[in-house]
């Protein structure tokens, strides 16, 4: 009984740590960083697909599913394998989109589908900027 309680406590603490990892994101700063993203993406109520899909409502959306956008096979496979855009997933994705999707598919037992590349070639290495962009994207997503 004590052992299972300890395991549960560790799991809860680990989950809380992951959720807290994105504390400190500033949506106003994220809006400024997002200007780099606007080379390919649009966001807002009247946004249309461009080189990349619309990012309005991206938080909570399964990957590879925005209507009318022609996703890469890698991105579609990740969505079919269950990838949903959470704060943490977006944060990790922005650092290296191809590596993130390939790792996700491999971990889901679909290494055979972890080939090719996503259309997103941009990488955002700066952790604070990634937190800020996630905070900004959340301002365009439904509260759940």
N, C-alpha and C. Protein backbone atom coordinates (compact mmCIF):
# COMPACT_ATOMS: atom_id res chain seq x y z
N UNK A 1 0.82 -1.19 0.00
CA UNK A 1 0.00 0.00 0.00
C UNK A 1 0.87 1.26 0.00
N UNK A 2 1.88 1.27 0.88
CA UNK A 2 2.78 2.42 0.95
C UNK A 2 3.52 2.60 -0.37
N UNK A 3 3.95 1.50 -0.98
CA UNK A 3 4.69 1.55 -2.24
C UNK A 3 3.83 2.14 -3.35
N UNK A 4 2.56 1.69 -3.45
CA UNK A 4 1.70 2.22 -4.52
C UNK A 4 1.38 3.69 -4.29
N UNK A 5 1.25 4.09 -3.01
CA UNK A 5 1.02 5.50 -2.70
C UNK A 5 2.21 6.36 -3.09
N UNK A 6 3.41 5.83 -2.84
CA UNK A 6 4.63 6.54 -3.20
C UNK A 6 4.74 6.68 -4.72
N UNK A 7 4.43 5.62 -5.44
CA UNK A 7 4.46 5.65 -6.90
C UNK A 7 3.47 6.68 -7.43
N UNK A 8 2.27 6.70 -6.86
CA UNK A 8 1.26 7.68 -7.29
C UNK A 8 1.73 9.10 -7.02
N UNK A 9 2.34 9.32 -5.85
CA UNK A 9 2.83 10.66 -5.51
C UNK A 9 3.92 11.11 -6.48
N UNK A 10 4.82 10.20 -6.84
CA UNK A 10 5.88 10.53 -7.79
C UNK A 10 5.28 10.85 -9.16
N UNK A 11 4.29 10.08 -9.59
CA UNK A 11 3.65 10.32 -10.89
C UNK A 11 2.96 11.68 -10.90
N UNK A 12 2.28 12.02 -9.82
CA UNK A 12 1.60 13.31 -9.74
C UNK A 12 2.62 14.44 -9.76
N UNK A 13 3.68 14.30 -9.00
CA UNK A 13 4.73 15.33 -8.97
C UNK A 13 5.38 15.50 -10.33
N UNK A 14 5.63 14.38 -11.02
CA UNK A 14 6.22 14.43 -12.35
C UNK A 14 5.28 15.13 -13.32
N UNK A 15 3.99 14.81 -13.27
CA UNK A 15 3.01 15.44 -14.15
C UNK A 15 2.92 16.93 -13.86
N UNK A 16 2.91 17.28 -12.59
CA UNK A 16 2.83 18.70 -12.22
C UNK A 16 4.06 19.43 -12.72
N UNK A 17 5.22 18.80 -12.62
CA UNK A 17 6.45 19.42 -13.10
C UNK A 17 6.39 19.69 -14.58
N UNK A 18 5.85 18.74 -15.34
CA UNK A 18 5.73 18.93 -16.78
C UNK A 18 4.78 20.07 -17.09
N UNK A 19 3.68 20.15 -16.36
CA UNK A 19 2.70 21.20 -16.60
C UNK A 19 3.29 22.57 -16.23
N UNK A 20 4.10 22.61 -15.19
CA UNK A 20 4.68 23.87 -14.75
C UNK A 20 5.82 24.33 -15.63
N UNK A 21 6.31 23.45 -16.49
CA UNK A 21 7.46 23.78 -17.32
C UNK A 21 7.19 25.00 -18.20
N UNK A 22 5.94 25.28 -18.52
CA UNK A 22 5.65 26.39 -19.41
C UNK A 22 5.19 27.64 -18.67
N UNK A 23 5.19 27.59 -17.34
CA UNK A 23 4.90 28.81 -16.60
C UNK A 23 5.91 29.87 -17.01
N UNK A 24 5.49 31.08 -17.02
CA UNK A 24 6.42 32.15 -17.37
C UNK A 24 6.34 32.59 -18.81
N UNK A 25 5.42 32.02 -19.58
CA UNK A 25 5.24 32.47 -20.94
C UNK A 25 4.50 33.79 -20.95
N UNK A 26 4.90 34.71 -21.80
CA UNK A 26 4.32 36.04 -21.90
C UNK A 26 3.70 36.19 -23.28
N UNK A 27 2.37 36.24 -23.32
CA UNK A 27 1.66 36.30 -24.61
C UNK A 27 2.04 37.54 -25.42
N UNK A 28 2.26 38.67 -24.76
CA UNK A 28 2.62 39.90 -25.50
C UNK A 28 3.99 39.74 -26.17
N UNK A 29 4.93 39.13 -25.46
CA UNK A 29 6.24 38.87 -26.06
C UNK A 29 6.10 37.80 -27.14
N UNK A 30 5.22 36.82 -26.89
CA UNK A 30 4.98 35.78 -27.88
C UNK A 30 4.42 36.33 -29.18
N UNK A 31 3.60 37.36 -29.07
CA UNK A 31 3.06 38.00 -30.28
C UNK A 31 4.20 38.58 -31.13
N UNK A 32 5.19 39.15 -30.47
CA UNK A 32 6.34 39.69 -31.19
C UNK A 32 7.16 38.58 -31.84
N UNK A 33 7.39 37.49 -31.10
CA UNK A 33 8.14 36.36 -31.64
C UNK A 33 7.36 35.73 -32.80
N UNK A 34 6.03 35.68 -32.66
CA UNK A 34 5.18 35.06 -33.68
C UNK A 34 5.30 35.76 -35.03
N UNK A 35 5.75 36.98 -35.06
CA UNK A 35 5.93 37.68 -36.34
C UNK A 35 6.86 36.90 -37.26
N UNK A 36 7.82 36.15 -36.68
CA UNK A 36 8.68 35.28 -37.49
C UNK A 36 7.86 34.15 -38.11
N UNK A 37 6.89 33.66 -37.35
CA UNK A 37 6.06 32.54 -37.78
C UNK A 37 5.11 32.96 -38.92
N UNK A 38 4.83 34.25 -38.97
CA UNK A 38 3.87 34.74 -39.97
C UNK A 38 4.40 34.65 -41.40
N UNK A 39 5.65 34.28 -41.55
CA UNK A 39 6.16 33.99 -42.88
C UNK A 39 5.32 32.87 -43.50
N UNK A 40 4.85 31.95 -42.65
CA UNK A 40 4.11 30.78 -43.13
C UNK A 40 2.72 30.61 -42.52
N UNK A 41 2.50 31.12 -41.32
CA UNK A 41 1.25 30.87 -40.58
C UNK A 41 0.43 32.13 -40.37
N UNK A 42 -0.87 31.94 -40.24
CA UNK A 42 -1.80 33.01 -39.88
C UNK A 42 -2.55 32.57 -38.64
N UNK A 43 -3.06 33.56 -37.91
CA UNK A 43 -3.81 33.29 -36.69
C UNK A 43 -4.86 34.37 -36.53
N UNK A 44 -5.98 34.02 -35.95
CA UNK A 44 -7.06 34.98 -35.72
C UNK A 44 -8.34 34.54 -36.39
N UNK A 45 -9.41 35.26 -36.14
CA UNK A 45 -10.73 34.83 -36.62
C UNK A 45 -10.88 34.76 -38.14
N UNK A 46 -10.13 35.56 -38.88
CA UNK A 46 -10.25 35.56 -40.34
C UNK A 46 -9.06 34.92 -41.04
N UNK A 47 -8.25 34.18 -40.27
CA UNK A 47 -7.01 33.60 -40.83
C UNK A 47 -7.31 32.57 -41.90
N UNK A 48 -6.43 32.50 -42.87
CA UNK A 48 -6.51 31.53 -43.97
C UNK A 48 -5.20 30.75 -44.02
N UNK A 49 -5.26 29.52 -44.52
CA UNK A 49 -4.05 28.74 -44.70
C UNK A 49 -3.09 29.48 -45.61
N UNK A 50 -1.81 29.35 -45.32
CA UNK A 50 -0.76 29.93 -46.16
C UNK A 50 0.22 28.80 -46.47
N UNK A 51 1.49 29.07 -46.38
CA UNK A 51 2.49 28.01 -46.56
C UNK A 51 2.30 26.96 -45.46
N UNK A 52 1.89 27.43 -44.26
CA UNK A 52 1.56 26.55 -43.15
C UNK A 52 0.08 26.68 -42.81
N UNK A 53 -0.43 25.79 -41.96
CA UNK A 53 -1.85 25.85 -41.61
C UNK A 53 -2.17 27.00 -40.66
N UNK A 54 -3.43 27.36 -40.59
CA UNK A 54 -3.93 28.34 -39.63
C UNK A 54 -3.66 27.81 -38.22
N UNK A 55 -3.24 28.69 -37.33
CA UNK A 55 -2.94 28.26 -35.97
C UNK A 55 -3.99 28.71 -34.94
N UNK A 56 -5.07 29.31 -35.41
CA UNK A 56 -6.17 29.62 -34.51
C UNK A 56 -6.72 28.30 -33.97
N UNK A 57 -6.82 28.20 -32.65
CA UNK A 57 -7.36 26.99 -32.04
C UNK A 57 -6.43 25.79 -32.06
N UNK A 58 -5.15 26.01 -32.27
CA UNK A 58 -4.22 24.88 -32.40
C UNK A 58 -4.08 24.11 -31.09
N UNK A 59 -4.10 24.80 -29.95
CA UNK A 59 -3.96 24.10 -28.67
C UNK A 59 -5.21 23.22 -28.47
N UNK A 60 -4.97 21.93 -28.35
CA UNK A 60 -6.06 20.97 -28.18
C UNK A 60 -6.48 20.28 -29.47
N UNK A 61 -5.92 20.69 -30.59
CA UNK A 61 -6.28 20.11 -31.89
C UNK A 61 -5.34 18.96 -32.24
N UNK A 62 -5.87 17.87 -32.78
CA UNK A 62 -4.99 16.81 -33.28
C UNK A 62 -4.14 17.34 -34.43
N UNK A 63 -2.88 16.94 -34.47
CA UNK A 63 -2.00 17.41 -35.51
C UNK A 63 -2.44 16.90 -36.88
N UNK A 64 -2.16 17.72 -37.88
CA UNK A 64 -2.45 17.32 -39.26
C UNK A 64 -3.91 17.35 -39.63
N UNK A 65 -4.72 18.16 -38.93
CA UNK A 65 -6.16 18.11 -39.18
C UNK A 65 -6.81 19.43 -39.55
N UNK A 66 -6.06 20.52 -39.69
CA UNK A 66 -6.74 21.76 -40.04
C UNK A 66 -7.31 21.65 -41.45
N UNK A 67 -8.59 21.97 -41.62
CA UNK A 67 -9.24 21.80 -42.93
C UNK A 67 -8.56 22.55 -44.07
N UNK A 68 -8.41 21.87 -45.18
CA UNK A 68 -7.92 22.49 -46.39
C UNK A 68 -6.41 22.64 -46.49
N UNK A 69 -5.66 22.16 -45.48
CA UNK A 69 -4.21 22.26 -45.56
C UNK A 69 -3.62 20.92 -45.95
N UNK A 70 -2.68 20.93 -46.89
CA UNK A 70 -2.03 19.70 -47.36
C UNK A 70 -0.80 19.43 -46.50
N UNK A 71 -0.99 18.62 -45.46
CA UNK A 71 0.10 18.30 -44.52
C UNK A 71 1.08 17.30 -45.12
N UNK A 72 2.29 17.31 -44.57
CA UNK A 72 3.28 16.29 -44.93
C UNK A 72 2.81 14.93 -44.41
N UNK A 73 3.31 13.87 -45.01
CA UNK A 73 2.97 12.52 -44.54
C UNK A 73 3.40 12.34 -43.09
N UNK A 74 4.56 12.87 -42.73
CA UNK A 74 5.07 12.75 -41.37
C UNK A 74 4.09 13.37 -40.38
N UNK A 75 3.58 14.53 -40.69
CA UNK A 75 2.64 15.21 -39.80
C UNK A 75 1.31 14.46 -39.74
N UNK A 76 0.82 14.01 -40.88
CA UNK A 76 -0.44 13.25 -40.89
C UNK A 76 -0.31 11.97 -40.09
N UNK A 77 0.81 11.26 -40.24
CA UNK A 77 1.01 10.02 -39.50
C UNK A 77 1.01 10.28 -37.99
N UNK A 78 1.64 11.37 -37.57
CA UNK A 78 1.68 11.70 -36.14
C UNK A 78 0.26 11.94 -35.61
N UNK A 79 -0.55 12.63 -36.39
CA UNK A 79 -1.94 12.86 -35.99
C UNK A 79 -2.72 11.57 -35.93
N UNK A 80 -2.53 10.71 -36.91
CA UNK A 80 -3.21 9.41 -36.91
C UNK A 80 -2.78 8.55 -35.73
N UNK A 81 -1.55 8.78 -35.24
CA UNK A 81 -1.03 8.04 -34.09
C UNK A 81 -1.48 8.66 -32.76
N UNK A 82 -2.23 9.76 -32.83
CA UNK A 82 -2.81 10.34 -31.62
C UNK A 82 -2.19 11.62 -31.10
N UNK A 83 -1.28 12.24 -31.87
CA UNK A 83 -0.65 13.46 -31.39
C UNK A 83 -1.66 14.62 -31.38
N UNK A 84 -1.79 15.24 -30.21
CA UNK A 84 -2.64 16.41 -30.03
C UNK A 84 -1.74 17.54 -29.57
N UNK A 85 -2.00 18.73 -30.08
CA UNK A 85 -1.18 19.89 -29.73
C UNK A 85 -1.52 20.41 -28.35
N UNK A 86 -0.73 20.02 -27.37
CA UNK A 86 -0.81 20.56 -26.02
C UNK A 86 0.26 21.64 -25.89
N UNK A 87 0.22 22.38 -24.79
CA UNK A 87 1.26 23.39 -24.54
C UNK A 87 2.65 22.74 -24.64
N UNK A 88 2.81 21.63 -23.92
CA UNK A 88 4.11 20.96 -23.87
C UNK A 88 4.54 20.45 -25.24
N UNK A 89 3.60 19.87 -26.00
CA UNK A 89 3.95 19.34 -27.32
C UNK A 89 4.37 20.45 -28.27
N UNK A 90 3.67 21.57 -28.24
CA UNK A 90 4.04 22.69 -29.10
C UNK A 90 5.42 23.21 -28.70
N UNK A 91 5.64 23.34 -27.41
CA UNK A 91 6.93 23.81 -26.89
C UNK A 91 8.07 22.93 -27.40
N UNK A 92 7.90 21.63 -27.31
CA UNK A 92 8.95 20.69 -27.76
C UNK A 92 9.07 20.70 -29.28
N UNK A 93 7.95 20.74 -29.99
CA UNK A 93 7.92 20.73 -31.45
C UNK A 93 8.70 21.90 -32.03
N UNK A 94 8.50 23.09 -31.45
CA UNK A 94 9.12 24.29 -32.01
C UNK A 94 10.64 24.25 -31.99
N UNK A 95 11.21 23.46 -31.09
CA UNK A 95 12.67 23.36 -31.02
C UNK A 95 13.23 22.63 -32.24
N UNK A 96 12.53 21.60 -32.70
CA UNK A 96 12.98 20.81 -33.85
C UNK A 96 11.80 19.97 -34.36
N UNK A 97 10.99 20.54 -35.25
CA UNK A 97 9.77 19.87 -35.70
C UNK A 97 9.98 18.44 -36.21
N UNK A 98 10.95 18.22 -37.08
CA UNK A 98 11.15 16.88 -37.63
C UNK A 98 11.54 15.88 -36.55
N UNK A 99 12.48 16.26 -35.71
CA UNK A 99 12.93 15.35 -34.65
C UNK A 99 11.78 15.03 -33.70
N UNK A 100 10.96 16.04 -33.37
CA UNK A 100 9.84 15.82 -32.46
C UNK A 100 8.85 14.81 -33.04
N UNK A 101 8.45 15.01 -34.29
CA UNK A 101 7.46 14.11 -34.90
C UNK A 101 8.01 12.69 -35.05
N UNK A 102 9.26 12.58 -35.45
CA UNK A 102 9.87 11.25 -35.61
C UNK A 102 9.98 10.53 -34.27
N UNK A 103 10.35 11.26 -33.23
CA UNK A 103 10.44 10.67 -31.90
C UNK A 103 9.05 10.22 -31.44
N UNK A 104 8.05 11.05 -31.66
CA UNK A 104 6.68 10.72 -31.27
C UNK A 104 6.23 9.42 -31.94
N UNK A 105 6.41 9.34 -33.23
CA UNK A 105 5.98 8.15 -33.97
C UNK A 105 6.76 6.90 -33.53
N UNK A 106 8.04 7.05 -33.32
CA UNK A 106 8.87 5.93 -32.88
C UNK A 106 8.39 5.44 -31.51
N UNK A 107 8.12 6.38 -30.59
CA UNK A 107 7.64 6.01 -29.26
C UNK A 107 6.26 5.35 -29.31
N UNK A 108 5.49 5.64 -30.33
CA UNK A 108 4.16 5.04 -30.49
C UNK A 108 4.23 3.71 -31.25
N UNK A 109 5.46 3.22 -31.52
CA UNK A 109 5.62 1.95 -32.22
C UNK A 109 5.42 2.06 -33.71
N UNK A 110 5.56 3.25 -34.25
CA UNK A 110 5.33 3.47 -35.68
C UNK A 110 6.58 4.04 -36.35
N UNK A 111 7.73 3.47 -36.00
CA UNK A 111 9.00 3.95 -36.55
C UNK A 111 9.02 3.87 -38.07
N UNK A 112 8.28 2.92 -38.63
CA UNK A 112 8.22 2.79 -40.08
C UNK A 112 7.56 4.02 -40.74
N UNK A 113 6.77 4.77 -39.97
CA UNK A 113 6.12 5.98 -40.49
C UNK A 113 6.90 7.25 -40.16
N UNK A 114 7.97 7.10 -39.40
CA UNK A 114 8.78 8.26 -38.98
C UNK A 114 9.83 8.58 -40.03
N UNK A 115 9.36 8.79 -41.26
CA UNK A 115 10.27 9.08 -42.37
C UNK A 115 9.84 10.37 -43.06
N UNK A 116 10.72 10.87 -43.88
CA UNK A 116 10.42 12.12 -44.58
C UNK A 116 10.60 13.30 -43.65
N UNK A 117 9.93 14.38 -43.98
CA UNK A 117 10.06 15.57 -43.14
C UNK A 117 8.76 16.36 -43.17
N UNK A 118 8.62 17.17 -42.14
CA UNK A 118 7.49 18.07 -42.08
C UNK A 118 7.79 19.25 -43.01
N UNK A 119 6.78 20.00 -43.36
CA UNK A 119 7.00 21.18 -44.19
C UNK A 119 7.62 22.33 -43.39
N UNK A 120 7.55 22.20 -42.05
CA UNK A 120 8.08 23.28 -41.21
C UNK A 120 9.58 23.12 -41.03
N UNK A 121 10.32 24.03 -41.62
CA UNK A 121 11.78 23.99 -41.54
C UNK A 121 12.32 24.91 -40.45
N UNK A 122 11.48 25.77 -39.93
CA UNK A 122 11.88 26.73 -38.90
C UNK A 122 12.06 26.02 -37.56
N UNK A 123 13.10 26.41 -36.82
CA UNK A 123 13.34 25.90 -35.47
C UNK A 123 13.49 27.10 -34.54
N UNK A 124 12.84 27.02 -33.40
CA UNK A 124 12.93 28.09 -32.41
C UNK A 124 13.66 27.53 -31.19
N UNK A 125 14.97 27.77 -31.13
CA UNK A 125 15.82 27.18 -30.10
C UNK A 125 15.62 27.81 -28.73
N UNK A 126 15.33 29.09 -28.66
CA UNK A 126 15.25 29.82 -27.40
C UNK A 126 14.04 29.36 -26.58
N UNK A 127 14.29 28.80 -25.40
CA UNK A 127 13.21 28.25 -24.57
C UNK A 127 12.21 29.31 -24.15
N UNK A 128 12.68 30.48 -23.74
CA UNK A 128 11.74 31.52 -23.30
C UNK A 128 10.86 31.98 -24.47
N UNK A 129 11.43 32.11 -25.65
CA UNK A 129 10.62 32.50 -26.81
C UNK A 129 9.58 31.43 -27.11
N UNK A 130 9.94 30.16 -26.95
CA UNK A 130 8.96 29.08 -27.17
C UNK A 130 7.83 29.17 -26.14
N UNK A 131 8.16 29.44 -24.89
CA UNK A 131 7.13 29.61 -23.85
C UNK A 131 6.22 30.77 -24.21
N UNK A 132 6.82 31.86 -24.68
CA UNK A 132 6.05 33.05 -25.04
C UNK A 132 5.13 32.79 -26.23
N UNK A 133 5.62 32.06 -27.23
CA UNK A 133 4.79 31.73 -28.39
C UNK A 133 3.62 30.84 -27.97
N UNK A 134 3.87 29.87 -27.12
CA UNK A 134 2.79 29.01 -26.63
C UNK A 134 1.74 29.85 -25.90
N UNK A 135 2.18 30.78 -25.05
CA UNK A 135 1.25 31.67 -24.34
C UNK A 135 0.42 32.48 -25.34
N UNK A 136 1.05 32.94 -26.40
CA UNK A 136 0.34 33.70 -27.44
C UNK A 136 -0.67 32.82 -28.17
N UNK A 137 -0.26 31.63 -28.57
CA UNK A 137 -1.17 30.71 -29.27
C UNK A 137 -2.39 30.38 -28.41
N UNK A 138 -2.18 30.27 -27.11
CA UNK A 138 -3.28 29.94 -26.20
C UNK A 138 -4.34 31.04 -26.18
N UNK A 139 -3.96 32.28 -26.50
CA UNK A 139 -4.96 33.36 -26.52
C UNK A 139 -5.92 33.19 -27.70
N UNK A 140 -5.59 32.32 -28.63
CA UNK A 140 -6.44 32.04 -29.79
C UNK A 140 -7.04 30.65 -29.74
N UNK A 141 -7.03 30.04 -28.57
CA UNK A 141 -7.55 28.69 -28.41
C UNK A 141 -8.66 28.70 -27.38
N UNK A 142 -9.62 27.80 -27.55
CA UNK A 142 -10.74 27.71 -26.61
C UNK A 142 -10.24 27.28 -25.24
N UNK A 143 -10.84 27.86 -24.23
CA UNK A 143 -10.53 27.44 -22.86
C UNK A 143 -11.31 26.16 -22.60
N UNK A 144 -10.62 25.14 -22.07
CA UNK A 144 -11.28 23.87 -21.82
C UNK A 144 -11.30 23.56 -20.35
